[in-house]
């Protein structure tokens, strides 16, 4: 009987931990973003391509990850916006594009 109680306790604890990690994973989101030109962000030159935009639920820090190279840059997301899709705002200076803002 004592072994059965111990086994049930361990199973319940494992299920609770698994449930917590599933909830944490659900808080992360990822959106593919196609950027058709090379650009500069935080002094780094990044190539045109498909990027993934990630953030923790409730967190204003976004990671822009290049799906081909794995290179990533973190940026602070602006307050406001519609809470849905993230908007990337670029500024063009000559032939160079700069990622200025996430909103």
PDB file of N, CA and C in Angstrom:
ATOM      1  N   UNK A   1       0.820  -1.195   0.000  1.00  0.00           N
ATOM      2  CA  UNK A   1       0.000   0.000   0.000  1.00  0.00           C
ATOM      3  C   UNK A   1       0.865   1.262   0.000  1.00  0.00           C
ATOM      4  N   UNK A   2       1.929   1.194   0.788  1.00  0.00           N
ATOM      5  CA  UNK A   2       2.810   2.357   0.876  1.00  0.00           C
ATOM      6  C   UNK A   2       3.494   2.628  -0.463  1.00  0.00           C
ATOM      7  N   UNK A   3       3.904   1.572  -1.164  1.00  0.00           N
ATOM      8  CA  UNK A   3       4.524   1.738  -2.497  1.00  0.00           C
ATOM      9  C   UNK A   3       3.540   2.337  -3.488  1.00  0.00           C
ATOM     10  N   UNK A   4       2.291   1.906  -3.417  1.00  0.00           N
ATOM     11  CA  UNK A   4       1.270   2.422  -4.313  1.00  0.00           C
ATOM     12  C   UNK A   4       1.051   3.915  -4.061  1.00  0.00           C
ATOM     13  N   UNK A   5       0.999   4.320  -2.806  1.00  0.00           N
ATOM     14  CA  UNK A   5       0.835   5.742  -2.472  1.00  0.00           C
ATOM     15  C   UNK A   5       2.008   6.561  -2.985  1.00  0.00           C
ATOM     16  N   UNK A   6       3.206   6.026  -2.812  1.00  0.00           N
ATOM     17  CA  UNK A   6       4.406   6.732  -3.277  1.00  0.00           C
ATOM     18  C   UNK A   6       4.394   6.868  -4.805  1.00  0.00           C
ATOM     19  N   UNK A   7       4.009   5.788  -5.492  1.00  0.00           N
ATOM     20  CA  UNK A   7       3.951   5.818  -6.954  1.00  0.00           C
ATOM     21  C   UNK A   7       2.917   6.831  -7.439  1.00  0.00           C
ATOM     22  N   UNK A   8       1.753   6.872  -6.786  1.00  0.00           N
ATOM     23  CA  UNK A   8       0.720   7.845  -7.173  1.00  0.00           C
ATOM     24  C   UNK A   8       1.192   9.277  -6.928  1.00  0.00           C
ATOM     25  N   UNK A   9       1.903   9.498  -5.840  1.00  0.00           N
ATOM     26  CA  UNK A   9       2.443  10.827  -5.522  1.00  0.00           C
ATOM     27  C   UNK A   9       3.436  11.269  -6.587  1.00  0.00           C
ATOM     28  N   UNK A  10       4.335  10.366  -6.983  1.00  0.00           N
ATOM     29  CA  UNK A  10       5.328  10.679  -8.013  1.00  0.00           C
ATOM     30  C   UNK A  10       4.642  10.962  -9.345  1.00  0.00           C
ATOM     31  N   UNK A  11       3.628  10.173  -9.691  1.00  0.00           N
ATOM     32  CA  UNK A  11       2.908  10.384 -10.954  1.00  0.00           C
ATOM     33  C   UNK A  11       2.185  11.731 -10.950  1.00  0.00           C
ATOM     34  N   UNK A  12       1.564  12.076  -9.822  1.00  0.00           N
ATOM     35  CA  UNK A  12       0.849  13.348  -9.733  1.00  0.00           C
ATOM     36  C   UNK A  12       1.825  14.518  -9.856  1.00  0.00           C
ATOM     37  N   UNK A  13       2.990  14.406  -9.213  1.00  0.00           N
ATOM     38  CA  UNK A  13       4.002  15.455  -9.316  1.00  0.00           C
ATOM     39  C   UNK A  13       4.519  15.601 -10.731  1.00  0.00           C
ATOM     40  N   UNK A  14       4.747  14.471 -11.404  1.00  0.00           N
ATOM     41  CA  UNK A  14       5.220  14.507 -12.790  1.00  0.00           C
ATOM     42  C   UNK A  14       4.183  15.141 -13.700  1.00  0.00           C
ATOM     43  N   UNK A  15       2.922  14.807 -13.494  1.00  0.00           N
ATOM     44  CA  UNK A  15       1.853  15.384 -14.314  1.00  0.00           C
ATOM     45  C   UNK A  15       1.767  16.894 -14.095  1.00  0.00           C
ATOM     46  N   UNK A  16       1.945  17.339 -12.851  1.00  0.00           N
ATOM     47  CA  UNK A  16       1.909  18.770 -12.568  1.00  0.00           C
ATOM     48  C   UNK A  16       3.054  19.495 -13.272  1.00  0.00           C
ATOM     49  N   UNK A  17       4.253  18.906 -13.242  1.00  0.00           N
ATOM     50  CA  UNK A  17       5.394  19.515 -13.929  1.00  0.00           C
ATOM     51  C   UNK A  17       5.177  19.546 -15.429  1.00  0.00           C
ATOM     52  N   UNK A  18       4.652  18.465 -15.989  1.00  0.00           N
ATOM     53  CA  UNK A  18       4.394  18.410 -17.422  1.00  0.00           C
ATOM     54  C   UNK A  18       3.362  19.461 -17.811  1.00  0.00           C
ATOM     55  N   UNK A  19       2.319  19.611 -17.012  1.00  0.00           N
ATOM     56  CA  UNK A  19       1.299  20.619 -17.289  1.00  0.00           C
ATOM     57  C   UNK A  19       1.868  22.016 -17.270  1.00  0.00           C
ATOM     58  N   UNK A  20       2.772  22.291 -16.349  1.00  0.00           N
ATOM     59  CA  UNK A  20       3.410  23.607 -16.269  1.00  0.00           C
ATOM     60  C   UNK A  20       4.228  23.890 -17.508  1.00  0.00           C
ATOM     61  N   UNK A  21       5.007  22.912 -17.990  1.00  0.00           N
ATOM     62  CA  UNK A  21       5.828  23.151 -19.175  1.00  0.00           C
ATOM     63  C   UNK A  21       4.969  23.322 -20.417  1.00  0.00           C
ATOM     64  N   UNK A  22       3.831  22.629 -20.492  1.00  0.00           N
ATOM     65  CA  UNK A  22       2.922  22.812 -21.626  1.00  0.00           C
ATOM     66  C   UNK A  22       2.346  24.214 -21.601  1.00  0.00           C
ATOM     67  N   UNK A  23       1.964  24.710 -20.416  1.00  0.00           N
ATOM     68  CA  UNK A  23       1.448  26.070 -20.324  1.00  0.00           C
ATOM     69  C   UNK A  23       2.497  27.096 -20.717  1.00  0.00           C
ATOM     70  N   UNK A  24       3.748  26.880 -20.316  1.00  0.00           N
ATOM     71  CA  UNK A  24       4.809  27.805 -20.677  1.00  0.00           C
ATOM     72  C   UNK A  24       5.032  27.785 -22.184  1.00  0.00           C
ATOM     73  N   UNK A  25       5.015  26.615 -22.793  1.00  0.00           N
ATOM     74  CA  UNK A  25       5.209  26.520 -24.238  1.00  0.00           C
ATOM     75  C   UNK A  25       4.070  27.213 -24.979  1.00  0.00           C
ATOM     76  N   UNK A  26       2.856  27.141 -24.429  1.00  0.00           N
ATOM     77  CA  UNK A  26       1.715  27.789 -25.071  1.00  0.00           C
ATOM     78  C   UNK A  26       1.858  29.304 -25.043  1.00  0.00           C
ATOM     79  N   UNK A  27       2.617  29.862 -24.090  1.00  0.00           N
ATOM     80  CA  UNK A  27       2.807  31.296 -23.994  1.00  0.00           C
ATOM     81  C   UNK A  27       3.707  31.851 -25.075  1.00  0.00           C
ATOM     82  N   UNK A  28       4.538  31.025 -25.669  1.00  0.00           N
ATOM     83  CA  UNK A  28       5.425  31.476 -26.736  1.00  0.00           C
ATOM     84  C   UNK A  28       4.669  31.498 -28.046  1.00  0.00           C
ATOM     85  N   UNK A  29       4.977  32.486 -28.862  1.00  0.00           N
ATOM     86  CA  UNK A  29       4.368  32.496 -30.188  1.00  0.00           C
ATOM     87  C   UNK A  29       5.450  32.714 -31.220  1.00  0.00           C
ATOM     88  N   UNK A  30       5.176  32.305 -32.402  1.00  0.00           N
ATOM     89  CA  UNK A  30       6.148  32.447 -33.469  1.00  0.00           C
ATOM     90  C   UNK A  30       5.406  32.749 -34.759  1.00  0.00           C
ATOM     91  N   UNK A  31       5.843  33.761 -35.460  1.00  0.00           N
ATOM     92  CA  UNK A  31       5.227  34.151 -36.723  1.00  0.00           C
ATOM     93  C   UNK A  31       6.294  34.212 -37.806  1.00  0.00           C
ATOM     94  N   UNK A  32       6.057  33.601 -38.975  1.00  0.00           N
ATOM     95  CA  UNK A  32       7.025  33.775 -40.064  1.00  0.00           C
ATOM     96  C   UNK A  32       6.850  35.153 -40.699  1.00  0.00           C
ATOM     97  N   UNK A  33       7.974  35.784 -41.005  1.00  0.00           N
ATOM     98  CA  UNK A  33       7.979  37.113 -41.621  1.00  0.00           C
ATOM     99  C   UNK A  33       8.938  37.071 -42.806  1.00  0.00           C
ATOM    100  N   UNK A  34       8.456  37.432 -43.987  1.00  0.00           N
ATOM    101  CA  UNK A  34       9.307  37.476 -45.178  1.00  0.00           C
ATOM    102  C   UNK A  34       9.812  38.909 -45.352  1.00  0.00           C
ATOM    103  N   UNK A  35      11.131  39.085 -45.318  1.00  0.00           N
ATOM    104  CA  UNK A  35      11.737  40.405 -45.516  1.00  0.00           C
ATOM    105  C   UNK A  35      12.510  40.333 -46.842  1.00  0.00           C
ATOM    106  N   UNK A  36      12.077  41.104 -47.852  1.00  0.00           N
ATOM    107  CA  UNK A  36      12.620  40.949 -49.203  1.00  0.00           C
ATOM    108  C   UNK A  36      13.921  41.696 -49.494  1.00  0.00           C
ATOM    109  N   UNK A  37      14.540  42.286 -48.473  1.00  0.00           N
ATOM    110  CA  UNK A  37      15.770  43.055 -48.703  1.00  0.00           C
ATOM    111  C   UNK A  37      16.698  42.881 -47.507  1.00  0.00           C
ATOM    112  N   UNK A  38      18.015  43.066 -47.752  1.00  0.00           N
ATOM    113  CA  UNK A  38      18.977  43.086 -46.651  1.00  0.00           C
ATOM    114  C   UNK A  38      18.665  44.304 -45.788  1.00  0.00           C
ATOM    115  N   UNK A  39      18.955  44.204 -44.495  1.00  0.00           N
ATOM    116  CA  UNK A  39      18.666  45.322 -43.609  1.00  0.00           C
ATOM    117  C   UNK A  39      19.633  45.329 -42.429  1.00  0.00           C
ATOM    118  N   UNK A  40      19.640  46.451 -41.728  1.00  0.00           N
ATOM    119  CA  UNK A  40      20.512  46.634 -40.571  1.00  0.00           C
ATOM    120  C   UNK A  40      19.633  46.826 -39.343  1.00  0.00           C
ATOM    121  N   UNK A  41      19.977  46.155 -38.268  1.00  0.00           N
ATOM    122  CA  UNK A  41      19.299  46.343 -36.992  1.00  0.00           C
ATOM    123  C   UNK A  41      20.338  46.242 -35.888  1.00  0.00           C
ATOM    124  N   UNK A  42      20.358  47.216 -35.009  1.00  0.00           N
ATOM    125  CA  UNK A  42      21.308  47.269 -33.899  1.00  0.00           C
ATOM    126  C   UNK A  42      22.753  47.094 -34.382  1.00  0.00           C
ATOM    127  N   UNK A  43      23.057  47.707 -35.518  1.00  0.00           N
ATOM    128  CA  UNK A  43      24.412  47.660 -36.061  1.00  0.00           C
ATOM    129  C   UNK A  43      24.777  46.366 -36.770  1.00  0.00           C
ATOM    130  N   UNK A  44      23.842  45.414 -36.861  1.00  0.00           N
ATOM    131  CA  UNK A  44      24.102  44.142 -37.538  1.00  0.00           C
ATOM    132  C   UNK A  44      23.440  44.123 -38.904  1.00  0.00           C
ATOM    133  N   UNK A  45      24.189  43.680 -39.898  1.00  0.00           N
ATOM    134  CA  UNK A  45      23.657  43.523 -41.252  1.00  0.00           C
ATOM    135  C   UNK A  45      23.023  42.137 -41.338  1.00  0.00           C
ATOM    136  N   UNK A  46      21.741  42.073 -41.686  1.00  0.00           N
ATOM    137  CA  UNK A  46      21.043  40.801 -41.826  1.00  0.00           C
ATOM    138  C   UNK A  46      20.575  40.640 -43.267  1.00  0.00           C
ATOM    139  N   UNK A  47      20.579  39.401 -43.776  1.00  0.00           N
ATOM    140  CA  UNK A  47      20.189  39.178 -45.164  1.00  0.00           C
ATOM    141  C   UNK A  47      18.671  39.129 -45.348  1.00  0.00           C
ATOM    142  N   UNK A  48      18.242  39.355 -46.584  1.00  0.00           N
ATOM    143  CA  UNK A  48      16.834  39.165 -46.927  1.00  0.00           C
ATOM    144  C   UNK A  48      16.494  37.695 -46.678  1.00  0.00           C
ATOM    145  N   UNK A  49      15.240  37.431 -46.378  1.00  0.00           N
ATOM    146  CA  UNK A  49      14.831  36.048 -46.169  1.00  0.00           C
ATOM    147  C   UNK A  49      13.632  35.932 -45.255  1.00  0.00           C
ATOM    148  N   UNK A  50      13.398  34.703 -44.817  1.00  0.00           N
ATOM    149  CA  UNK A  50      12.282  34.421 -43.921  1.00  0.00           C
ATOM    150  C   UNK A  50      12.784  34.411 -42.491  1.00  0.00           C
ATOM    151  N   UNK A  51      12.096  35.150 -41.660  1.00  0.00           N
ATOM    152  CA  UNK A  51      12.446  35.275 -40.252  1.00  0.00           C
ATOM    153  C   UNK A  51      11.267  34.808 -39.405  1.00  0.00           C
ATOM    154  N   UNK A  52      11.569  34.421 -38.196  1.00  0.00           N
ATOM    155  CA  UNK A  52      10.542  34.062 -37.222  1.00  0.00           C
ATOM    156  C   UNK A  52      10.595  35.111 -36.121  1.00  0.00           C
ATOM    157  N   UNK A  53       9.444  35.584 -35.716  1.00  0.00           N
ATOM    158  CA  UNK A  53       9.343  36.576 -34.658  1.00  0.00           C
ATOM    159  C   UNK A  53       8.813  35.867 -33.421  1.00  0.00           C
ATOM    160  N   UNK A  54       9.553  35.922 -32.325  1.00  0.00           N
ATOM    161  CA  UNK A  54       9.174  35.214 -31.117  1.00  0.00           C
ATOM    162  C   UNK A  54       9.148  36.150 -29.926  1.00  0.00           C
ATOM    163  N   UNK A  55       8.266  35.856 -28.988  1.00  0.00           N
ATOM    164  CA  UNK A  55       8.277  36.571 -27.711  1.00  0.00           C
ATOM    165  C   UNK A  55       7.576  35.723 -26.670  1.00  0.00           C
ATOM    166  N   UNK A  56       7.873  36.025 -25.429  1.00  0.00           N
ATOM    167  CA  UNK A  56       7.174  35.397 -24.321  1.00  0.00           C
ATOM    168  C   UNK A  56       5.865  36.138 -24.136  1.00  0.00           C
ATOM    169  N   UNK A  57       4.824  35.423 -23.725  1.00  0.00           N
ATOM    170  CA  UNK A  57       3.530  36.062 -23.480  1.00  0.00           C
ATOM    171  C   UNK A  57       3.700  37.148 -22.419  1.00  0.00           C
ATOM    172  N   UNK A  58       3.222  38.325 -22.720  1.00  0.00           N
ATOM    173  CA  UNK A  58       3.299  39.432 -21.779  1.00  0.00           C
ATOM    174  C   UNK A  58       4.639  40.138 -21.761  1.00  0.00           C
ATOM    175  N   UNK A  59       5.597  39.669 -22.529  1.00  0.00           N
ATOM    176  CA  UNK A  59       6.926  40.267 -22.540  1.00  0.00           C
ATOM    177  C   UNK A  59       7.042  41.175 -23.755  1.00  0.00           C
ATOM    178  N   UNK A  60       7.733  42.302 -23.621  1.00  0.00           N
ATOM    179  CA  UNK A  60       7.886  43.235 -24.742  1.00  0.00           C
ATOM    180  C   UNK A  60       9.144  42.972 -25.546  1.00  0.00           C
ATOM    181  N   UNK A  61       9.942  41.977 -25.176  1.00  0.00           N
ATOM    182  CA  UNK A  61      11.166  41.689 -25.917  1.00  0.00           C
ATOM    183  C   UNK A  61      10.868  40.664 -27.003  1.00  0.00           C
ATOM    184  N   UNK A  62      11.191  41.033 -28.230  1.00  0.00           N
ATOM    185  CA  UNK A  62      10.978  40.181 -29.394  1.00  0.00           C
ATOM    186  C   UNK A  62      12.331  39.700 -29.915  1.00  0.00           C
ATOM    187  N   UNK A  63      12.376  38.477 -30.383  1.00  0.00           N
ATOM    188  CA  UNK A  63      13.570  37.948 -31.040  1.00  0.00           C
ATOM    189  C   UNK A  63      13.222  37.744 -32.511  1.00  0.00           C
ATOM    190  N   UNK A  64      14.015  38.300 -33.399  1.00  0.00           N
ATOM    191  CA  UNK A  64      13.871  38.130 -34.838  1.00  0.00           C
ATOM    192  C   UNK A  64      14.926  37.120 -35.251  1.00  0.00           C
ATOM    193  N   UNK A  65      14.483  35.922 -35.697  1.00  0.00           N
ATOM    194  CA  UNK A  65      15.388  34.807 -35.980  1.00  0.00           C
ATOM    195  C   UNK A  65      15.349  34.470 -37.463  1.00  0.00           C
ATOM    196  N   UNK A  66      16.511  34.456 -38.115  1.00  0.00           N
ATOM    197  CA  UNK A  66      16.615  34.068 -39.523  1.00  0.00           C
ATOM    198  C   UNK A  66      16.459  32.547 -39.603  1.00  0.00           C
ATOM    199  N   UNK A  67      15.481  32.071 -40.349  1.00  0.00           N
ATOM    200  CA  UNK A  67      15.206  30.633 -40.408  1.00  0.00           C
ATOM    201  C   UNK A  67      16.302  29.849 -41.136  1.00  0.00           C
ATOM    202  N   UNK A  68      17.017  30.486 -42.040  1.00  0.00           N
ATOM    203  CA  UNK A  68      18.077  29.792 -42.777  1.00  0.00           C
ATOM    204  C   UNK A  68      19.374  29.730 -41.983  1.00  0.00           C
ATOM    205  N   UNK A  69      19.766  30.854 -41.390  1.00  0.00           N
ATOM    206  CA  UNK A  69      21.070  30.908 -40.715  1.00  0.00           C
ATOM    207  C   UNK A  69      20.991  30.722 -39.201  1.00  0.00           C
ATOM    208  N   UNK A  70      19.807  30.945 -38.620  1.00  0.00           N
ATOM    209  CA  UNK A  70      19.663  30.860 -37.169  1.00  0.00           C
ATOM    210  C   UNK A  70      20.120  32.121 -36.452  1.00  0.00           C
ATOM    211  N   UNK A  71      20.650  33.087 -37.199  1.00  0.00           N
ATOM    212  CA  UNK A  71      21.099  34.353 -36.596  1.00  0.00           C
ATOM    213  C   UNK A  71      19.889  35.070 -36.016  1.00  0.00           C
ATOM    214  N   UNK A  72      20.059  35.663 -34.820  1.00  0.00           N
ATOM    215  CA  UNK A  72      18.930  36.358 -34.217  1.00  0.00           C
ATOM    216  C   UNK A  72      19.341  37.667 -33.572  1.00  0.00           C
ATOM    217  N   UNK A  73      18.352  38.551 -33.466  1.00  0.00           N
ATOM    218  CA  UNK A  73      18.518  39.861 -32.846  1.00  0.00           C
ATOM    219  C   UNK A  73      17.312  40.064 -31.940  1.00  0.00           C
ATOM    220  N   UNK A  74      17.554  40.619 -30.756  1.00  0.00           N
ATOM    221  CA  UNK A  74      16.444  40.926 -29.860  1.00  0.00           C
ATOM    222  C   UNK A  74      16.180  42.414 -29.863  1.00  0.00           C
ATOM    223  N   UNK A  75      14.892  42.763 -29.837  1.00  0.00           N
ATOM    224  CA  UNK A  75      14.477  44.166 -29.829  1.00  0.00           C
ATOM    225  C   UNK A  75      13.353  44.351 -28.828  1.00  0.00           C
ATOM    226  N   UNK A  76      13.202  45.568 -28.362  1.00  0.00           N
ATOM    227  CA  UNK A  76      12.119  45.926 -27.471  1.00  0.00           C
ATOM    228  C   UNK A  76      10.925  46.345 -28.311  1.00  0.00           C
ATOM    229  N   UNK A  77       9.778  45.755 -28.052  1.00  0.00           N
ATOM    230  CA  UNK A  77       8.563  46.086 -28.795  1.00  0.00           C
ATOM    231  C   UNK A  77       7.941  47.357 -28.223  1.00  0.00           C
ATOM    232  N   UNK A  78       7.467  48.231 -29.094  1.00  0.00           N
ATOM    233  CA  UNK A  78       6.833  49.483 -28.667  1.00  0.00           C
ATOM    234  C   UNK A  78       5.531  49.199 -27.936  1.00  0.00           C
ATOM    235  N   UNK A  79       5.182  50.092 -27.018  1.00  0.00           N
ATOM    236  CA  UNK A  79       3.878  50.005 -26.362  1.00  0.00           C
ATOM    237  C   UNK A  79       2.804  50.367 -27.365  1.00  0.00           C
ATOM    238  N   UNK A  80       1.607  49.927 -27.104  1.00  0.00           N
ATOM    239  CA  UNK A  80       0.498  50.243 -28.002  1.00  0.00           C
ATOM    240  C   UNK A  80       0.335  49.134 -29.018  1.00  0.00           C
ATOM    241  N   UNK A  81      -0.163  49.467 -30.167  1.00  0.00           N
ATOM    242  CA  UNK A  81      -0.430  48.464 -31.184  1.00  0.00           C
ATOM    243  C   UNK A  81      -1.747  47.771 -30.895  1.00  0.00           C
ATOM    244  N   UNK A  82      -2.121  46.856 -31.760  1.00  0.00           N
ATOM    245  CA  UNK A  82      -3.412  46.195 -31.607  1.00  0.00           C
ATOM    246  C   UNK A  82      -3.326  44.897 -30.820  1.00  0.00           C
ATOM    247  N   UNK A  83      -2.133  44.528 -30.348  1.00  0.00           N
ATOM    248  CA  UNK A  83      -1.985  43.300 -29.569  1.00  0.00           C
ATOM    249  C   UNK A  83      -1.992  42.052 -30.431  1.00  0.00           C
ATOM    250  N   UNK A  84      -2.222  42.192 -31.721  1.00  0.00           N
ATOM    251  CA  UNK A  84      -2.251  41.049 -32.624  1.00  0.00           C
ATOM    252  C   UNK A  84      -0.946  40.918 -33.363  1.00  0.00           C
ATOM    253  N   UNK A  85      -0.996  41.121 -34.657  1.00  0.00           N
ATOM    254  CA  UNK A  85       0.192  41.011 -35.497  1.00  0.00           C
ATOM    255  C   UNK A  85       1.214  42.095 -35.167  1.00  0.00           C
ATOM    256  N   UNK A  86       2.461  41.710 -35.241  1.00  0.00           N
ATOM    257  CA  UNK A  86       3.548  42.658 -35.011  1.00  0.00           C
ATOM    258  C   UNK A  86       3.877  43.343 -36.324  1.00  0.00           C
ATOM    259  N   UNK A  87       4.119  44.639 -36.265  1.00  0.00           N
ATOM    260  CA  UNK A  87       4.481  45.409 -37.462  1.00  0.00           C
ATOM    261  C   UNK A  87       5.949  45.777 -37.376  1.00  0.00           C
ATOM    262  N   UNK A  88       6.672  45.526 -38.459  1.00  0.00           N
ATOM    263  CA  UNK A  88       8.076  45.919 -38.569  1.00  0.00           C
ATOM    264  C   UNK A  88       8.126  47.230 -39.331  1.00  0.00           C
ATOM    265  N   UNK A  89       8.835  48.209 -38.792  1.00  0.00           N
ATOM    266  CA  UNK A  89       8.942  49.499 -39.466  1.00  0.00           C
ATOM    267  C   UNK A  89      10.392  49.732 -39.863  1.00  0.00           C
ATOM    268  N   UNK A  90      10.609  49.871 -41.185  1.00  0.00           N
ATOM    269  CA  UNK A  90      11.937  50.083 -41.738  1.00  0.00           C
ATOM    270  C   UNK A  90      12.087  51.530 -42.179  1.00  0.00           C
ATOM    271  N   UNK A  91      13.320  51.985 -42.174  1.00  0.00           N
ATOM    272  CA  UNK A  91      13.662  53.305 -42.707  1.00  0.00           C
ATOM    273  C   UNK A  91      14.720  53.085 -43.777  1.00  0.00           C
ATOM    274  N   UNK A  92      14.537  53.713 -44.913  1.00  0.00           N
ATOM    275  CA  UNK A  92      15.502  53.574 -46.005  1.00  0.00           C
ATOM    276  C   UNK A  92      16.379  54.808 -46.075  1.00  0.00           C
ATOM    277  N   UNK A  93      17.695  54.575 -46.094  1.00  0.00           N
ATOM    278  CA  UNK A  93      18.669  55.655 -46.273  1.00  0.00           C
ATOM    279  C   UNK A  93      19.573  55.230 -47.418  1.00  0.00           C
ATOM    280  N   UNK A  94      19.390  55.863 -48.555  1.00  0.00           N
ATOM    281  CA  UNK A  94      20.140  55.452 -49.745  1.00  0.00           C
ATOM    282  C   UNK A  94      19.702  54.059 -50.161  1.00  0.00           C
ATOM    283  N   UNK A  95      20.658  53.129 -50.250  1.00  0.00           N
ATOM    284  CA  UNK A  95      20.350  51.746 -50.613  1.00  0.00           C
ATOM    285  C   UNK A  95      20.264  50.827 -49.400  1.00  0.00           C
ATOM    286  N   UNK A  96      20.275  51.402 -48.209  1.00  0.00           N
ATOM    287  CA  UNK A  96      20.280  50.595 -46.991  1.00  0.00           C
ATOM    288  C   UNK A  96      18.970  50.754 -46.238  1.00  0.00           C
ATOM    289  N   UNK A  97      18.417  49.621 -45.790  1.00  0.00           N
ATOM    290  CA  UNK A  97      17.211  49.621 -44.975  1.00  0.00           C
ATOM    291  C   UNK A  97      17.599  49.370 -43.516  1.00  0.00           C
ATOM    292  N   UNK A  98      16.974  50.104 -42.603  1.00  0.00           N
ATOM    293  CA  UNK A  98      17.198  49.956 -41.177  1.00  0.00           C
ATOM    294  C   UNK A  98      15.876  49.561 -40.513  1.00  0.00           C
ATOM    295  N   UNK A  99      15.921  48.502 -39.712  1.00  0.00           N
ATOM    296  CA  UNK A  99      14.750  48.140 -38.933  1.00  0.00           C
ATOM    297  C   UNK A  99      14.726  49.044 -37.713  1.00  0.00           C
ATOM    298  N   UNK A 100      13.745  49.924 -37.642  1.00  0.00           N
ATOM    299  CA  UNK A 100      13.703  50.945 -36.602  1.00  0.00           C
ATOM    300  C   UNK A 100      12.784  50.605 -35.446  1.00  0.00           C
ATOM    301  N   UNK A 101      11.687  49.871 -35.731  1.00  0.00           N
ATOM    302  CA  UNK A 101      10.691  49.722 -34.696  1.00  0.00           C
ATOM    303  C   UNK A 101       9.843  48.468 -34.886  1.00  0.00           C
ATOM    304  N   UNK A 102       9.490  47.845 -33.781  1.00  0.00           N
ATOM    305  CA  UNK A 102       8.493  46.778 -33.745  1.00  0.00           C
ATOM    306  C   UNK A 102       7.301  47.336 -32.986  1.00  0.00           C
ATOM    307  N   UNK A 103       6.137  47.235 -33.559  1.00  0.00           N
ATOM    308  CA  UNK A 103       4.952  47.708 -32.831  1.00  0.00           C
ATOM    309  C   UNK A 103       3.810  46.737 -33.009  1.00  0.00           C
TER     310      UNK A 103
END
